[in-house]
């Protein structure tokens, strides 16, 4: 079960839950995490506090494992962490990439889950970054591209 918070009522949380379940199943991952849809203003504050960057970003992920491999758990589900998505940045991304907002939302969900699993990237080069290449492979495999 995932906790989804969308105080601004911008996303279809039912679809989001379905997409998250599809991504986790595809990855063979079991786990629980919180997903928060927030404004650019809220994202800017988080980005400034945790990354010392006084600007909004599209997604911030706070993984319980903090970049380490997940420990083995006896119970069926484990806590993965928290994902924050700026819906305003998501809209800008979709427009700049020429995709619909649902495709960009699915991309950000895949991106956040990969971060929760310990993956990271140093650039946003979709042609070279292993994490971003994996992200786009998952998007294709799951039929998440429009």
Protein backbone atom coordinates (compact mmCIF):
# COMPACT_ATOMS: atom_id res chain seq x y z
CA UNK A 1 0.00 0.00 0.00
CA UNK A 2 1.26 3.44 -0.85
CA UNK A 3 0.33 6.72 0.71
CA UNK A 4 -0.55 9.30 -1.95
CA UNK A 5 -1.05 12.94 -1.03
CA UNK A 6 -2.38 15.44 -3.57
CA UNK A 7 -3.68 18.43 -1.63
CA UNK A 8 -4.17 20.41 -4.85
CA UNK A 9 -6.26 17.70 -6.55
CA UNK A 10 -4.14 17.74 -9.69
CA UNK A 11 -3.64 14.03 -10.41
CA UNK A 12 -5.84 10.97 -10.71
CA UNK A 13 -4.64 9.05 -7.66
CA UNK A 14 -6.35 5.85 -8.85
CA UNK A 15 -4.27 5.84 -12.03
CA UNK A 16 -1.16 6.74 -10.07
CA UNK A 17 -1.69 3.74 -7.77
CA UNK A 18 -2.11 1.44 -10.81
CA UNK A 19 1.04 2.79 -12.46
CA UNK A 20 3.07 2.45 -9.25
CA UNK A 21 1.89 -1.14 -8.81
CA UNK A 22 2.85 -1.90 -12.44
CA UNK A 23 6.32 -0.42 -12.00
CA UNK A 24 6.98 -2.28 -8.76
CA UNK A 25 5.72 -5.57 -10.22
CA UNK A 26 7.89 -5.11 -13.32
CA UNK A 27 10.93 -4.54 -11.11
CA UNK A 28 10.04 -7.44 -8.83
CA UNK A 29 9.99 -5.00 -5.94
CA UNK A 30 7.76 -5.06 -2.91
CA UNK A 31 7.66 -2.03 -0.77
CA UNK A 32 5.73 0.89 0.53
CA UNK A 33 6.45 4.56 0.06
CA UNK A 34 4.79 7.92 0.36
CA UNK A 35 4.10 9.95 -2.77
CA UNK A 36 3.44 13.67 -2.42
CA UNK A 37 2.26 15.96 -5.22
CA UNK A 38 3.24 19.51 -4.36
CA UNK A 39 3.62 22.98 -5.85
CA UNK A 40 6.81 24.57 -7.17
CA UNK A 41 6.85 26.79 -4.08
CA UNK A 42 6.79 23.78 -1.76
CA UNK A 43 9.38 21.98 -3.90
CA UNK A 44 11.67 25.00 -3.89
CA UNK A 45 11.61 25.03 -0.07
CA UNK A 46 12.47 21.30 0.10
CA UNK A 47 15.18 21.59 -2.56
CA UNK A 48 16.71 24.52 -0.69
CA UNK A 49 16.57 22.79 2.68
CA UNK A 50 17.93 19.39 1.60
CA UNK A 51 20.07 20.18 -1.45
CA UNK A 52 20.93 23.87 -0.92
CA UNK A 53 19.40 24.70 -4.31
CA UNK A 54 17.03 27.66 -4.12
CA UNK A 55 14.89 26.59 -7.07
CA UNK A 56 12.12 24.11 -7.73
CA UNK A 57 12.86 20.75 -9.31
CA UNK A 58 10.50 18.18 -10.76
CA UNK A 59 11.17 15.38 -8.27
CA UNK A 60 12.91 14.77 -4.96
CA UNK A 61 13.33 11.30 -3.53
CA UNK A 62 14.26 10.47 0.02
CA UNK A 63 15.16 6.79 0.13
CA UNK A 64 15.26 4.92 3.41
CA UNK A 65 18.35 3.09 2.14
CA UNK A 66 20.05 6.41 1.25
CA UNK A 67 21.77 4.95 -1.81
CA UNK A 68 22.76 1.66 -0.18
CA UNK A 69 21.47 -1.79 -1.09
CA UNK A 70 18.23 -2.68 0.65
CA UNK A 71 18.62 -4.95 3.64
CA UNK A 72 16.79 -8.27 3.62
CA UNK A 73 13.39 -8.11 5.30
CA UNK A 74 11.40 -11.01 6.69
CA UNK A 75 8.10 -9.23 6.26
CA UNK A 76 6.42 -9.02 2.86
CA UNK A 77 6.69 -5.24 2.49
CA UNK A 78 9.39 -2.81 3.46
CA UNK A 79 9.42 0.97 3.69
CA UNK A 80 11.21 2.48 0.68
CA UNK A 81 10.99 6.19 1.49
CA UNK A 82 9.28 9.34 0.21
CA UNK A 83 8.85 10.83 -3.26
CA UNK A 84 7.85 14.45 -3.87
CA UNK A 85 6.72 15.56 -7.35
CA UNK A 86 6.11 19.17 -8.33
CA UNK A 87 3.05 19.11 -10.55
CA UNK A 88 3.96 22.51 -11.98
CA UNK A 89 7.43 21.28 -12.98
CA UNK A 90 5.84 18.10 -14.35
CA UNK A 91 3.62 20.24 -16.60
CA UNK A 92 6.62 22.24 -17.84
CA UNK A 93 8.57 19.04 -18.52
CA UNK A 94 5.69 17.60 -20.53
CA UNK A 95 5.43 20.75 -22.63
CA UNK A 96 9.19 20.94 -23.26
CA UNK A 97 9.39 17.22 -24.15
CA UNK A 98 6.27 17.39 -26.30
CA UNK A 99 4.51 14.61 -24.38
CA UNK A 100 1.22 14.52 -22.53
CA UNK A 101 1.17 15.10 -18.79
CA UNK A 102 0.30 11.46 -18.01
CA UNK A 103 3.38 10.20 -19.84
CA UNK A 104 5.56 12.65 -17.94
CA UNK A 105 3.92 11.65 -14.67
CA UNK A 106 4.63 7.98 -15.40
CA UNK A 107 8.24 8.91 -16.23
CA UNK A 108 8.62 10.71 -12.91
CA UNK A 109 7.11 7.74 -11.05
CA UNK A 110 9.62 5.37 -12.69
CA UNK A 111 12.40 7.86 -11.95
CA UNK A 112 11.45 8.17 -8.29
CA UNK A 113 11.16 4.42 -7.79
CA UNK A 114 14.58 3.87 -9.36
CA UNK A 115 15.99 6.43 -6.89
CA UNK A 116 14.22 4.60 -4.03
CA UNK A 117 15.97 1.42 -5.20
CA UNK A 118 19.37 3.11 -4.85
CA UNK A 119 20.03 4.22 -8.44
CA UNK A 120 21.35 7.72 -9.16
CA UNK A 121 22.59 9.91 -12.01
CA UNK A 122 25.00 12.82 -12.20
CA UNK A 123 23.59 14.41 -15.39
CA UNK A 124 20.28 14.48 -17.23
CA UNK A 125 21.79 12.97 -20.39
CA UNK A 126 19.14 10.52 -21.61
CA UNK A 127 21.60 9.03 -24.11
CA UNK A 128 24.38 8.14 -21.65
CA UNK A 129 23.20 7.99 -18.02
CA UNK A 130 22.61 4.33 -17.07
CA UNK A 131 19.73 5.22 -14.72
CA UNK A 132 17.97 7.31 -17.38
CA UNK A 133 18.51 4.62 -20.01
CA UNK A 134 16.95 2.11 -17.61
CA UNK A 135 14.09 4.53 -16.92
CA UNK A 136 13.27 4.81 -20.62
CA UNK A 137 13.58 1.03 -21.10
CA UNK A 138 11.01 0.52 -18.34
CA UNK A 139 8.75 3.17 -19.93
CA UNK A 140 8.87 1.26 -23.24
CA UNK A 141 8.44 -2.19 -21.69
CA UNK A 142 5.41 -1.10 -19.66
CA UNK A 143 3.81 0.71 -22.62
CA UNK A 144 4.03 4.00 -20.73
CA UNK A 145 5.03 6.06 -23.78
CA UNK A 146 2.22 7.94 -25.54
